[in-house]
Amino acid sequence: MKFIDLTELTHYMSPKSRLFWQSEADIVPVANVKFATTSPNLVLVPGDKAMTLSQLTTRLQDMSPETQLFSPDAQPIFGFHLQLTSAEPEIILK
């Protein structure tokens, strides 16, 4: 998924929405992003506490809109779904 696509699709969502990544078996918090080792793209970094949509967009504001997002296991992110069980929707990238 390109960063611009994520930005456009989440434009009207709460900036407090937390980001998660869904592997085949688990949903884990996205705590940070880092550069991929072989390209200018970004890899999601799991952690204990999920970053907010606002934190992600602030950190990536100087990145090219064409920057691709990859999962922690270096697979492309193709989309997301929302989990609406808390006050702020959670964004589950997959």
Protein backbone atom coordinates (compact mmCIF):
# COMPACT_ATOMS: atom_id res chain seq x y z
CA MET A 1 0.00 0.00 0.00
CA LYS A 2 1.32 3.42 -0.88
CA PHE A 3 1.50 5.97 1.90
CA ILE A 4 -0.70 8.36 -0.14
CA ASP A 5 -3.42 5.69 -0.38
CA LEU A 6 -3.43 5.18 3.38
CA THR A 7 -3.51 8.95 3.92
CA GLU A 8 -6.44 9.46 1.56
CA LEU A 9 -8.43 6.53 2.92
CA THR A 10 -7.99 7.63 6.54
CA HIS A 11 -8.29 11.38 5.97
CA TYR A 12 -11.60 11.71 7.84
CA MET A 13 -10.74 9.29 10.63
CA SER A 14 -9.79 10.32 14.13
CA PRO A 15 -6.07 11.14 14.43
CA LYS A 16 -6.21 9.22 17.73
CA SER A 17 -6.98 5.94 15.94
CA ARG A 18 -4.34 3.35 16.79
CA LEU A 19 -2.48 1.28 14.19
CA PHE A 20 -2.15 -2.50 14.26
CA TRP A 21 -0.86 -5.14 11.87
CA GLN A 22 -2.61 -8.44 11.28
CA SER A 23 -0.48 -11.48 10.64
CA GLU A 24 -2.12 -14.77 9.81
CA ALA A 25 -2.57 -15.63 13.48
CA ASP A 26 -2.29 -12.42 15.48
CA ILE A 27 -3.05 -8.71 15.58
CA VAL A 28 -0.06 -6.77 16.95
CA PRO A 29 0.47 -3.07 17.72
CA VAL A 30 2.52 -1.01 15.27
CA ALA A 31 4.93 0.98 17.45
CA ASN A 32 7.13 2.55 14.77
CA VAL A 33 8.26 2.46 11.15
CA LYS A 34 11.77 2.05 9.73
CA PHE A 35 13.36 2.16 6.31
CA ALA A 36 13.51 -1.13 4.44
CA THR A 37 17.11 -2.30 4.03
CA THR A 38 17.01 -2.58 0.24
CA SER A 39 14.72 0.26 -0.82
CA PRO A 40 13.34 3.67 0.18
CA ASN A 41 10.15 1.99 1.41
CA LEU A 42 9.04 1.56 5.01
CA VAL A 43 8.58 -1.46 7.25
CA LEU A 44 6.15 -1.52 10.19
CA VAL A 45 7.80 -2.21 13.55
CA PRO A 46 5.69 -4.06 16.13
CA GLY A 47 5.89 -3.11 19.79
CA ASP A 48 4.02 -2.97 23.07
CA LYS A 49 1.97 0.16 22.39
CA ALA A 50 0.32 1.07 19.08
CA MET A 51 1.15 4.44 17.52
CA THR A 52 -1.68 6.72 16.48
CA LEU A 53 -2.60 7.71 12.97
CA SER A 54 -1.45 11.23 13.82
CA GLN A 55 1.97 9.98 14.93
CA LEU A 56 2.39 8.04 11.69
CA THR A 57 1.42 10.92 9.43
CA THR A 58 3.64 13.33 11.36
CA ARG A 59 6.66 11.03 11.06
CA LEU A 60 6.06 10.49 7.36
CA GLN A 61 5.12 14.02 6.30
CA ASP A 62 8.39 14.48 4.38
CA MET A 63 8.22 11.09 2.65
CA SER A 64 7.25 10.68 -0.96
CA PRO A 65 3.54 9.88 -1.36
CA GLU A 66 4.67 6.91 -3.46
CA THR A 67 6.47 5.32 -0.50
CA GLN A 68 5.27 1.75 0.00
CA LEU A 69 4.41 0.27 3.40
CA PHE A 70 5.53 -3.26 4.24
CA SER A 71 4.69 -5.59 7.12
CA PRO A 72 7.27 -6.59 9.75
CA ASP A 73 7.98 -9.73 7.72
CA ALA A 74 8.69 -7.56 4.62
CA GLN A 75 5.46 -8.46 2.82
CA PRO A 76 3.50 -5.66 1.09
CA ILE A 77 0.58 -4.12 2.96
CA PHE A 78 -2.46 -4.33 0.69
CA GLY A 79 -5.11 -2.63 2.79
CA PHE A 80 -6.74 -2.38 6.17
CA HIS A 81 -9.98 -2.89 8.02
CA LEU A 82 -11.39 -1.16 11.07
CA GLN A 83 -12.11 -2.57 14.47
CA LEU A 84 -14.88 -0.55 16.06
CA THR A 85 -14.93 -2.03 19.57
CA SER A 86 -13.31 0.97 21.31
CA ALA A 87 -14.09 4.71 21.42
CA GLU A 88 -11.55 5.38 18.66
CA PRO A 89 -11.58 3.02 15.66
CA GLU A 90 -8.50 0.83 15.40
CA ILE A 91 -6.84 0.54 11.99
CA ILE A 92 -5.77 -3.04 11.27
CA LEU A 93 -3.26 -3.11 8.40
CA LYS A 94 -2.90 -6.33 6.47
